[in-house]
Amino acid sequence: QVQLVESGGGLVQAGGSLRLSCATSVRTGVRYAMSWFRQAPGKEREFVAGISGNGCSTNYADSVKGRFTISRDYAKSTVYLQMNSLKPEDTAVYYCAAVSKPWDVATNPDGMDFWGKGTLVTVSS
């Protein structure tokens, strides 16, 4: 069982930056692909960014390309999401998720094995 704990959410003005962190309860090493999803009020959960277990591949939703960067620190068993140039439409609860997939990026929320409880990001205009 892998427990995920997100942190770093908060209130920020449009154009600002935030860095989300996702700490895992075990050393996931290269076994688990890690992804960020988000869910805005009244909307379905959507893929934001993902990184493969081995760290060699990343993928981003079109809406965040060029603004968000996903990274992982294997020594700290932590995944990060650096969010720059934030927009009001980025407002959502952001979730970290993991799946046993060393080589690929996981983009489908239905395919994830473990989830965090989420952290709220609010971007004011």
N, C-alpha and C. Protein backbone atom coordinates (compact mmCIF):
# COMPACT_ATOMS: atom_id res chain seq x y z
N GLN A 1 0.85 -1.19 0.00
CA GLN A 1 0.00 0.00 0.00
C GLN A 1 0.89 1.24 0.00
N VAL A 2 0.58 2.16 -0.89
CA VAL A 2 1.32 3.41 -0.99
C VAL A 2 0.41 4.55 -0.57
N GLN A 3 0.83 5.31 0.41
CA GLN A 3 0.07 6.47 0.84
C GLN A 3 0.71 7.72 0.24
N LEU A 4 -0.15 8.61 -0.25
CA LEU A 4 0.31 9.84 -0.89
C LEU A 4 -0.26 11.04 -0.14
N VAL A 5 0.58 12.02 0.12
CA VAL A 5 0.14 13.22 0.83
C VAL A 5 0.58 14.45 0.05
N GLU A 6 -0.42 15.20 -0.42
CA GLU A 6 -0.13 16.42 -1.16
C GLU A 6 -0.02 17.62 -0.22
N SER A 7 0.75 18.60 -0.67
CA SER A 7 0.87 19.86 0.06
C SER A 7 1.25 20.95 -0.93
N GLY A 8 1.12 22.20 -0.48
CA GLY A 8 1.55 23.33 -1.30
C GLY A 8 0.44 24.12 -1.94
N GLY A 9 -0.78 23.66 -1.79
CA GLY A 9 -1.89 24.42 -2.37
C GLY A 9 -2.13 25.71 -1.61
N GLY A 10 -2.98 26.56 -2.18
CA GLY A 10 -3.29 27.82 -1.52
C GLY A 10 -3.94 28.79 -2.47
N LEU A 11 -4.01 30.03 -2.03
CA LEU A 11 -4.61 31.11 -2.82
C LEU A 11 -3.49 31.93 -3.45
N VAL A 12 -3.62 32.16 -4.75
CA VAL A 12 -2.62 32.94 -5.46
C VAL A 12 -3.31 33.80 -6.51
N GLN A 13 -2.72 34.93 -6.82
CA GLN A 13 -3.28 35.78 -7.86
C GLN A 13 -2.92 35.25 -9.24
N ALA A 14 -3.73 35.58 -10.21
CA ALA A 14 -3.44 35.20 -11.59
C ALA A 14 -2.05 35.70 -11.98
N GLY A 15 -1.30 34.83 -12.66
CA GLY A 15 0.06 35.14 -13.04
C GLY A 15 1.10 34.68 -12.04
N GLY A 16 0.64 34.27 -10.87
CA GLY A 16 1.54 33.82 -9.83
C GLY A 16 1.96 32.37 -9.99
N SER A 17 2.70 31.88 -9.00
CA SER A 17 3.24 30.52 -9.04
C SER A 17 2.99 29.80 -7.73
N LEU A 18 2.91 28.49 -7.84
CA LEU A 18 2.83 27.60 -6.68
C LEU A 18 3.60 26.34 -7.01
N ARG A 19 4.13 25.68 -5.98
CA ARG A 19 4.73 24.38 -6.17
C ARG A 19 4.03 23.38 -5.26
N LEU A 20 3.44 22.39 -5.89
CA LEU A 20 2.79 21.31 -5.14
C LEU A 20 3.79 20.18 -4.91
N SER A 21 3.65 19.55 -3.77
CA SER A 21 4.48 18.40 -3.44
C SER A 21 3.60 17.20 -3.14
N CYS A 22 4.10 16.03 -3.46
CA CYS A 22 3.40 14.78 -3.15
C CYS A 22 4.42 13.84 -2.53
N ALA A 23 4.28 13.63 -1.23
CA ALA A 23 5.18 12.74 -0.51
C ALA A 23 4.58 11.35 -0.45
N THR A 24 5.40 10.33 -0.72
CA THR A 24 4.91 8.96 -0.68
C THR A 24 5.38 8.28 0.60
N SER A 25 4.59 7.31 1.06
CA SER A 25 4.88 6.65 2.33
C SER A 25 5.99 5.63 2.21
N VAL A 26 6.26 5.20 1.00
CA VAL A 26 7.32 4.22 0.77
C VAL A 26 8.20 4.72 -0.36
N ARG A 27 9.36 4.15 -0.44
CA ARG A 27 10.27 4.51 -1.54
C ARG A 27 9.75 3.86 -2.82
N THR A 28 9.13 4.68 -3.65
CA THR A 28 8.54 4.12 -4.86
C THR A 28 9.57 3.76 -5.90
N GLY A 29 10.75 4.37 -5.80
CA GLY A 29 11.81 4.07 -6.75
C GLY A 29 11.35 4.25 -8.16
N VAL A 30 11.76 3.37 -9.06
CA VAL A 30 11.40 3.50 -10.46
C VAL A 30 10.16 2.66 -10.79
N ARG A 31 9.56 2.06 -9.80
CA ARG A 31 8.45 1.15 -10.07
C ARG A 31 7.17 1.89 -10.44
N TYR A 32 6.95 3.05 -9.79
CA TYR A 32 5.65 3.70 -9.93
C TYR A 32 5.72 4.95 -10.81
N ALA A 33 4.82 5.01 -11.77
CA ALA A 33 4.56 6.26 -12.49
C ALA A 33 3.71 7.14 -11.58
N MET A 34 3.99 8.43 -11.60
CA MET A 34 3.29 9.38 -10.75
C MET A 34 2.63 10.44 -11.62
N SER A 35 1.41 10.80 -11.26
CA SER A 35 0.68 11.78 -12.05
C SER A 35 -0.07 12.74 -11.15
N TRP A 36 -0.34 13.90 -11.72
CA TRP A 36 -1.20 14.89 -11.08
C TRP A 36 -2.50 15.00 -11.88
N PHE A 37 -3.60 15.02 -11.15
CA PHE A 37 -4.90 15.26 -11.73
C PHE A 37 -5.54 16.43 -10.98
N ARG A 38 -6.58 16.99 -11.56
CA ARG A 38 -7.29 18.04 -10.86
C ARG A 38 -8.78 17.93 -11.13
N GLN A 39 -9.54 18.47 -10.20
CA GLN A 39 -11.00 18.45 -10.34
C GLN A 39 -11.55 19.79 -9.88
N ALA A 40 -12.17 20.49 -10.80
CA ALA A 40 -12.82 21.75 -10.49
C ALA A 40 -14.28 21.48 -10.12
N PRO A 41 -14.92 22.38 -9.39
CA PRO A 41 -16.32 22.17 -9.00
C PRO A 41 -17.21 21.94 -10.21
N GLY A 42 -17.98 20.87 -10.14
CA GLY A 42 -18.92 20.56 -11.21
C GLY A 42 -18.30 19.94 -12.44
N LYS A 43 -17.01 19.64 -12.37
CA LYS A 43 -16.33 19.06 -13.54
C LYS A 43 -15.72 17.71 -13.18
N GLU A 44 -15.41 16.94 -14.21
CA GLU A 44 -14.78 15.65 -13.99
C GLU A 44 -13.30 15.82 -13.68
N ARG A 45 -12.76 14.81 -13.03
CA ARG A 45 -11.33 14.82 -12.75
C ARG A 45 -10.56 14.70 -14.06
N GLU A 46 -9.52 15.53 -14.22
CA GLU A 46 -8.77 15.53 -15.47
C GLU A 46 -7.27 15.42 -15.22
N PHE A 47 -6.60 14.83 -16.19
CA PHE A 47 -5.16 14.68 -16.15
C PHE A 47 -4.50 16.04 -16.29
N VAL A 48 -3.43 16.26 -15.52
CA VAL A 48 -2.67 17.50 -15.60
C VAL A 48 -1.25 17.24 -16.10
N ALA A 49 -0.54 16.35 -15.40
CA ALA A 49 0.85 16.06 -15.75
C ALA A 49 1.23 14.71 -15.18
N GLY A 50 2.17 14.05 -15.84
CA GLY A 50 2.61 12.75 -15.36
C GLY A 50 4.08 12.52 -15.67
N ILE A 51 4.69 11.64 -14.89
CA ILE A 51 6.09 11.28 -15.10
C ILE A 51 6.22 9.78 -14.93
N SER A 52 7.00 9.16 -15.79
CA SER A 52 7.16 7.71 -15.74
C SER A 52 7.95 7.30 -14.50
N GLY A 53 7.88 6.01 -14.20
CA GLY A 53 8.60 5.49 -13.05
C GLY A 53 10.09 5.75 -13.11
N ASN A 54 10.65 5.60 -14.31
CA ASN A 54 12.10 5.80 -14.46
C ASN A 54 12.47 7.27 -14.66
N GLY A 55 11.48 8.14 -14.70
CA GLY A 55 11.74 9.57 -14.80
C GLY A 55 12.12 10.06 -16.18
N CYS A 56 12.12 9.17 -17.16
CA CYS A 56 12.59 9.54 -18.50
C CYS A 56 11.51 10.18 -19.36
N SER A 57 10.26 9.97 -19.00
CA SER A 57 9.17 10.49 -19.82
C SER A 57 8.22 11.33 -18.99
N THR A 58 7.75 12.41 -19.60
CA THR A 58 6.74 13.25 -18.98
C THR A 58 5.65 13.55 -20.01
N ASN A 59 4.50 13.94 -19.51
CA ASN A 59 3.39 14.28 -20.38
C ASN A 59 2.55 15.34 -19.68
N TYR A 60 1.98 16.23 -20.47
CA TYR A 60 1.20 17.32 -19.90
C TYR A 60 -0.10 17.50 -20.68
N ALA A 61 -1.11 17.93 -19.97
CA ALA A 61 -2.33 18.35 -20.64
C ALA A 61 -2.03 19.60 -21.46
N ASP A 62 -2.71 19.74 -22.58
CA ASP A 62 -2.47 20.89 -23.45
C ASP A 62 -2.68 22.21 -22.71
N SER A 63 -3.62 22.21 -21.79
CA SER A 63 -3.96 23.44 -21.08
C SER A 63 -2.86 23.93 -20.15
N VAL A 64 -1.89 23.07 -19.83
CA VAL A 64 -0.84 23.48 -18.89
C VAL A 64 0.55 23.43 -19.49
N LYS A 65 0.66 22.98 -20.73
CA LYS A 65 1.97 22.90 -21.38
C LYS A 65 2.65 24.26 -21.41
N GLY A 66 3.93 24.25 -21.06
CA GLY A 66 4.68 25.49 -21.04
C GLY A 66 4.54 26.28 -19.76
N ARG A 67 3.60 25.89 -18.91
CA ARG A 67 3.39 26.61 -17.64
C ARG A 67 3.70 25.72 -16.43
N PHE A 68 3.40 24.43 -16.53
CA PHE A 68 3.59 23.50 -15.42
C PHE A 68 4.75 22.57 -15.73
N THR A 69 5.44 22.16 -14.67
CA THR A 69 6.54 21.21 -14.80
C THR A 69 6.45 20.17 -13.69
N ILE A 70 6.47 18.90 -14.09
CA ILE A 70 6.46 17.82 -13.11
C ILE A 70 7.88 17.29 -12.95
N SER A 71 8.23 16.94 -11.73
CA SER A 71 9.56 16.38 -11.47
C SER A 71 9.45 15.44 -10.27
N ARG A 72 10.49 14.65 -10.06
CA ARG A 72 10.47 13.74 -8.92
C ARG A 72 11.86 13.64 -8.32
N ASP A 73 11.89 13.50 -7.01
CA ASP A 73 13.12 13.34 -6.26
C ASP A 73 13.08 11.95 -5.65
N TYR A 74 13.85 11.02 -6.19
CA TYR A 74 13.80 9.64 -5.72
C TYR A 74 14.32 9.51 -4.29
N ALA A 75 15.30 10.29 -3.95
CA ALA A 75 15.86 10.21 -2.60
C ALA A 75 14.84 10.62 -1.54
N LYS A 76 13.98 11.58 -1.89
CA LYS A 76 12.96 12.05 -0.96
C LYS A 76 11.61 11.39 -1.19
N SER A 77 11.52 10.53 -2.21
CA SER A 77 10.24 9.87 -2.55
C SER A 77 9.13 10.91 -2.68
N THR A 78 9.43 11.96 -3.39
CA THR A 78 8.50 13.08 -3.53
C THR A 78 8.41 13.49 -4.99
N VAL A 79 7.20 13.82 -5.40
CA VAL A 79 6.92 14.33 -6.74
C VAL A 79 6.45 15.77 -6.60
N TYR A 80 6.88 16.59 -7.53
CA TYR A 80 6.54 18.01 -7.49
C TYR A 80 5.78 18.43 -8.74
N LEU A 81 4.99 19.46 -8.58
CA LEU A 81 4.34 20.10 -9.72
C LEU A 81 4.57 21.60 -9.58
N GLN A 82 5.47 22.11 -10.38
CA GLN A 82 5.71 23.55 -10.40
C GLN A 82 4.72 24.20 -11.35
N MET A 83 3.94 25.13 -10.82
CA MET A 83 2.89 25.77 -11.60
C MET A 83 3.19 27.26 -11.72
N ASN A 84 3.43 27.70 -12.92
CA ASN A 84 3.72 29.11 -13.19
C ASN A 84 2.63 29.72 -14.05
N SER A 85 2.59 31.04 -14.09
CA SER A 85 1.61 31.76 -14.90
C SER A 85 0.21 31.23 -14.67
N LEU A 86 -0.15 31.09 -13.43
CA LEU A 86 -1.45 30.51 -13.09
C LEU A 86 -2.60 31.37 -13.57
N LYS A 87 -3.68 30.69 -13.94
CA LYS A 87 -4.88 31.34 -14.45
C LYS A 87 -6.06 30.97 -13.56
N PRO A 88 -7.10 31.78 -13.55
CA PRO A 88 -8.27 31.42 -12.74
C PRO A 88 -8.84 30.05 -13.10
N GLU A 89 -8.73 29.65 -14.35
CA GLU A 89 -9.24 28.34 -14.75
C GLU A 89 -8.41 27.18 -14.22
N ASP A 90 -7.28 27.46 -13.61
CA ASP A 90 -6.50 26.42 -12.95
C ASP A 90 -7.02 26.10 -11.56
N THR A 91 -7.99 26.86 -11.10
CA THR A 91 -8.57 26.62 -9.78
C THR A 91 -9.21 25.24 -9.71
N ALA A 92 -8.78 24.44 -8.74
CA ALA A 92 -9.27 23.07 -8.61
C ALA A 92 -8.62 22.43 -7.39
N VAL A 93 -9.12 21.26 -7.05
CA VAL A 93 -8.42 20.40 -6.10
C VAL A 93 -7.46 19.54 -6.92
N TYR A 94 -6.20 19.56 -6.52
CA TYR A 94 -5.16 18.83 -7.23
C TYR A 94 -4.83 17.55 -6.47
N TYR A 95 -4.84 16.45 -7.20
CA TYR A 95 -4.59 15.13 -6.62
C TYR A 95 -3.32 14.52 -7.21
N CYS A 96 -2.57 13.86 -6.34
CA CYS A 96 -1.43 13.07 -6.76
C CYS A 96 -1.87 11.62 -6.81
N ALA A 97 -1.37 10.88 -7.78
CA ALA A 97 -1.74 9.48 -7.92
C ALA A 97 -0.56 8.67 -8.41
N ALA A 98 -0.59 7.37 -8.11
CA ALA A 98 0.51 6.48 -8.47
C ALA A 98 -0.02 5.19 -9.06
N VAL A 99 0.74 4.62 -9.97
CA VAL A 99 0.40 3.32 -10.56
C VAL A 99 1.71 2.60 -10.87
N SER A 100 1.67 1.28 -10.74
CA SER A 100 2.87 0.49 -10.99
C SER A 100 3.12 0.43 -12.49
N LYS A 101 3.99 1.31 -12.97
CA LYS A 101 4.24 1.43 -14.41
C LYS A 101 5.59 2.11 -14.59
N PRO A 102 6.66 1.33 -14.70
CA PRO A 102 8.00 1.93 -14.72
C PRO A 102 8.31 2.76 -15.96
N TRP A 103 7.75 2.35 -17.12
CA TRP A 103 8.25 2.91 -18.37
C TRP A 103 7.36 3.97 -19.00
N ASP A 104 6.10 4.00 -18.65
CA ASP A 104 5.16 4.91 -19.32
C ASP A 104 4.62 5.97 -18.37
N VAL A 105 4.01 6.97 -18.99
CA VAL A 105 3.31 8.00 -18.22
C VAL A 105 1.85 7.61 -18.12
N ALA A 106 1.29 7.73 -16.95
CA ALA A 106 -0.11 7.37 -16.72
C ALA A 106 -0.98 8.61 -16.83
N THR A 107 -1.96 8.57 -17.74
CA THR A 107 -2.81 9.73 -17.98
C THR A 107 -4.28 9.46 -17.67
N ASN A 108 -4.64 8.21 -17.47
CA ASN A 108 -6.04 7.85 -17.25
C ASN A 108 -6.31 7.71 -15.75
N PRO A 109 -7.19 8.53 -15.20
CA PRO A 109 -7.44 8.45 -13.76
C PRO A 109 -8.00 7.09 -13.33
N ASP A 110 -8.69 6.41 -14.23
CA ASP A 110 -9.26 5.10 -13.90
C ASP A 110 -8.19 4.03 -13.75
N GLY A 111 -7.00 4.30 -14.25
CA GLY A 111 -5.95 3.30 -14.19
C GLY A 111 -4.98 3.46 -13.04
N MET A 112 -5.21 4.44 -12.18
CA MET A 112 -4.29 4.68 -11.07
C MET A 112 -4.59 3.76 -9.90
N ASP A 113 -3.53 3.37 -9.20
CA ASP A 113 -3.68 2.44 -8.08
C ASP A 113 -3.88 3.15 -6.74
N PHE A 114 -3.21 4.28 -6.56
CA PHE A 114 -3.24 4.96 -5.26
C PHE A 114 -3.45 6.46 -5.48
N TRP A 115 -4.18 7.06 -4.52
CA TRP A 115 -4.51 8.48 -4.61
C TRP A 115 -4.24 9.19 -3.30
N GLY A 116 -3.85 10.46 -3.41
CA GLY A 116 -3.82 11.30 -2.23
C GLY A 116 -5.19 11.92 -2.01
N LYS A 117 -5.31 12.71 -0.95
CA LYS A 117 -6.59 13.32 -0.61
C LYS A 117 -6.80 14.66 -1.28
N GLY A 118 -5.76 15.19 -1.88
CA GLY A 118 -5.88 16.42 -2.65
C GLY A 118 -5.48 17.66 -1.88
N THR A 119 -5.13 18.68 -2.65
CA THR A 119 -4.82 20.00 -2.09
C THR A 119 -5.47 21.06 -2.98
N LEU A 120 -6.09 22.05 -2.35
CA LEU A 120 -6.87 23.03 -3.08
C LEU A 120 -5.98 24.16 -3.59
N VAL A 121 -6.13 24.45 -4.87
CA VAL A 121 -5.46 25.60 -5.49
C VAL A 121 -6.53 26.57 -5.97
N THR A 122 -6.44 27.80 -5.51
CA THR A 122 -7.40 28.83 -5.90
C THR A 122 -6.63 29.98 -6.53
N VAL A 123 -6.99 30.31 -7.76
CA VAL A 123 -6.33 31.40 -8.47
C VAL A 123 -7.33 32.52 -8.65
N SER A 124 -7.04 33.66 -8.08
CA SER A 124 -7.95 34.81 -8.17
C SER A 124 -7.58 35.69 -9.36
N SER A 125 -8.60 36.31 -9.92
CA SER A 125 -8.38 37.16 -11.11
C SER A 125 -8.07 38.60 -10.72
